[in-house]
Structures are given as structure tokens and as C-alpha cells.
Amino acid sequence: MTEELKRWQQMVVELHQIFTLEYIAIEIGVSVRQVSNWKAGADRPLGMNAVKLYLFHGKHGTPVQVEGTPVHGEVAK
């Protein structure tokens, strides 16, 4: 699994600790199966779905780390 897939997977895993997969799917505008595939790391969101998931995670999730630097959320100290 690539690092990119792992980051998207982690976003869904973190959101799933707060929301059901069904709720996440409704928020993004995709099927529950698609969100499940993202969570399993079998696929990643593309286009506007990626933007929607990123923003939804930014609002409700925790910062996703990329080589020790936050992608969104709190600024590293």
C-alpha cells in the first residue's frame, strides 16, 4: 500500500471513530461501499470526493501527519 493510500485510509478510520460509514458516505456523496473501500485501503477518493473527504476530516478529524508535518489542523511546534 502506498503512503498516499495510507493517508486517505487513516482519514476514514479517524472519521469512523466518530461517525458511521453511512453518515460519512452521505456527507461525501458516495456509496457506503466506496467509503468502506477507502477505509480498507483498497481505493482512494478522487476529484471532488477527495476534496470533500479532506475538508470533512479537517473539520471533524485529527491532523494527518506527512513525514512529521501536519497537513491540516494544528501547526507543528
C-alpha atoms as a PDB file:
ATOM      1  CA  MET A   1       0.000   0.000   0.000  1.00  0.00           C
ATOM      2  CA  THR A   2       1.362   3.411  -0.922  1.00  0.00           C
ATOM      3  CA  GLU A   3       1.788   6.218   1.603  1.00  0.00           C
ATOM      4  CA  GLU A   4      -0.930   8.163  -0.193  1.00  0.00           C
ATOM      5  CA  LEU A   5      -3.428   5.321   0.207  1.00  0.00           C
ATOM      6  CA  LYS A   6      -2.478   5.016   3.875  1.00  0.00           C
ATOM      7  CA  ARG A   7      -3.179   8.718   4.480  1.00  0.00           C
ATOM      8  CA  TRP A   8      -6.636   8.525   2.908  1.00  0.00           C
ATOM      9  CA  GLN A   9      -7.314   5.293   4.782  1.00  0.00           C
ATOM     10  CA  GLN A  10      -6.303   6.940   8.069  1.00  0.00           C
ATOM     11  CA  MET A  11      -8.683   9.840   7.450  1.00  0.00           C
ATOM     12  CA  VAL A  12     -11.609   7.454   7.064  1.00  0.00           C
ATOM     13  CA  VAL A  13     -10.537   5.378  10.071  1.00  0.00           C
ATOM     14  CA  GLU A  14     -10.413   8.508  12.237  1.00  0.00           C
ATOM     15  CA  LEU A  15     -13.778   9.747  10.982  1.00  0.00           C
ATOM     16  CA  HIS A  16     -15.287   6.300  11.545  1.00  0.00           C
ATOM     17  CA  GLN A  17     -14.426   6.610  15.249  1.00  0.00           C
ATOM     18  CA  ILE A  18     -16.920   9.496  15.347  1.00  0.00           C
ATOM     19  CA  PHE A  19     -19.405   8.766  12.545  1.00  0.00           C
ATOM     20  CA  THR A  20     -20.898   5.698  10.883  1.00  0.00           C
ATOM     21  CA  LEU A  21     -19.719   4.774   7.394  1.00  0.00           C
ATOM     22  CA  GLU A  22     -23.242   5.578   6.217  1.00  0.00           C
ATOM     23  CA  TYR A  23     -23.007   9.107   7.595  1.00  0.00           C
ATOM     24  CA  ILE A  24     -19.596   9.656   6.024  1.00  0.00           C
ATOM     25  CA  ALA A  25     -20.927   8.384   2.687  1.00  0.00           C
ATOM     26  CA  ILE A  26     -23.864  10.799   2.819  1.00  0.00           C
ATOM     27  CA  GLU A  27     -21.596  13.728   3.676  1.00  0.00           C
ATOM     28  CA  ILE A  28     -19.239  12.964   0.786  1.00  0.00           C
ATOM     29  CA  GLY A  29     -21.980  11.922  -1.647  1.00  0.00           C
ATOM     30  CA  VAL A  30     -20.787   8.385  -2.379  1.00  0.00           C
ATOM     31  CA  SER A  31     -21.919   4.863  -1.543  1.00  0.00           C
ATOM     32  CA  VAL A  32     -21.176   3.162   1.767  1.00  0.00           C
ATOM     33  CA  ARG A  33     -19.264   0.561  -0.216  1.00  0.00           C
ATOM     34  CA  GLN A  34     -16.954   3.241  -1.592  1.00  0.00           C
ATOM     35  CA  VAL A  35     -16.226   4.586   1.897  1.00  0.00           C
ATOM     36  CA  SER A  36     -15.619   1.018   3.058  1.00  0.00           C
ATOM     37  CA  ASN A  37     -13.105   0.562   0.223  1.00  0.00           C
ATOM     38  CA  TRP A  38     -11.323   3.751   1.291  1.00  0.00           C
ATOM     39  CA  LYS A  39     -11.246   2.548   4.884  1.00  0.00           C
ATOM     40  CA  ALA A  40      -9.800  -0.815   3.800  1.00  0.00           C
ATOM     41  CA  GLY A  41      -7.126   0.938   1.739  1.00  0.00           C
ATOM     42  CA  ALA A  42      -8.368  -0.744  -1.428  1.00  0.00           C
ATOM     43  CA  ASP A  43      -9.104   2.581  -3.117  1.00  0.00           C
ATOM     44  CA  ARG A  44      -8.816   6.315  -2.520  1.00  0.00           C
ATOM     45  CA  PRO A  45     -11.145   9.209  -3.205  1.00  0.00           C
ATOM     46  CA  LEU A  46     -10.616  11.120  -6.429  1.00  0.00           C
ATOM     47  CA  GLY A  47     -11.547  14.591  -7.624  1.00  0.00           C
ATOM     48  CA  MET A  48     -14.216  16.401  -5.625  1.00  0.00           C
ATOM     49  CA  ASN A  49     -14.736  13.349  -3.429  1.00  0.00           C
ATOM     50  CA  ALA A  50     -11.146  13.728  -2.244  1.00  0.00           C
ATOM     51  CA  VAL A  51     -11.715  17.427  -1.548  1.00  0.00           C
ATOM     52  CA  LYS A  52     -14.950  16.714   0.343  1.00  0.00           C
ATOM     53  CA  LEU A  53     -13.352  13.977   2.449  1.00  0.00           C
ATOM     54  CA  TYR A  54     -10.313  16.141   3.181  1.00  0.00           C
ATOM     55  CA  LEU A  55     -12.472  19.069   4.297  1.00  0.00           C
ATOM     56  CA  PHE A  56     -14.826  16.850   6.311  1.00  0.00           C
ATOM     57  CA  HIS A  57     -11.833  15.291   8.049  1.00  0.00           C
ATOM     58  CA  GLY A  58     -10.316  18.721   8.625  1.00  0.00           C
ATOM     59  CA  LYS A  59     -13.495  19.804  10.385  1.00  0.00           C
ATOM     60  CA  HIS A  60     -14.045  16.669  12.472  1.00  0.00           C
ATOM     61  CA  GLY A  61     -10.897  14.556  12.433  1.00  0.00           C
ATOM     62  CA  THR A  62      -7.424  14.855  13.796  1.00  0.00           C
ATOM     63  CA  PRO A  63      -4.419  16.187  11.862  1.00  0.00           C
ATOM     64  CA  VAL A  64      -2.983  13.752   9.321  1.00  0.00           C
ATOM     65  CA  GLN A  65       0.790  13.543   9.519  1.00  0.00           C
ATOM     66  CA  VAL A  66       3.010  13.558   6.433  1.00  0.00           C
ATOM     67  CA  GLU A  67       6.637  12.936   7.318  1.00  0.00           C
ATOM     68  CA  GLY A  68       6.086  14.559  10.715  1.00  0.00           C
ATOM     69  CA  THR A  69       4.399  17.703   9.359  1.00  0.00           C
ATOM     70  CA  PRO A  70       0.643  18.266   9.820  1.00  0.00           C
ATOM     71  CA  VAL A  71      -1.297  18.506   6.573  1.00  0.00           C
ATOM     72  CA  HIS A  72      -4.107  20.338   8.345  1.00  0.00           C
ATOM     73  CA  GLY A  73      -5.064  21.068  11.900  1.00  0.00           C
ATOM     74  CA  GLU A  74      -2.624  22.391  14.459  1.00  0.00           C
ATOM     75  CA  VAL A  75       0.640  23.923  13.350  1.00  0.00           C
ATOM     76  CA  ALA A  76       3.715  21.898  14.337  1.00  0.00           C
ATOM     77  CA  LYS A  77       5.776  23.407  17.126  1.00  0.00           C
END
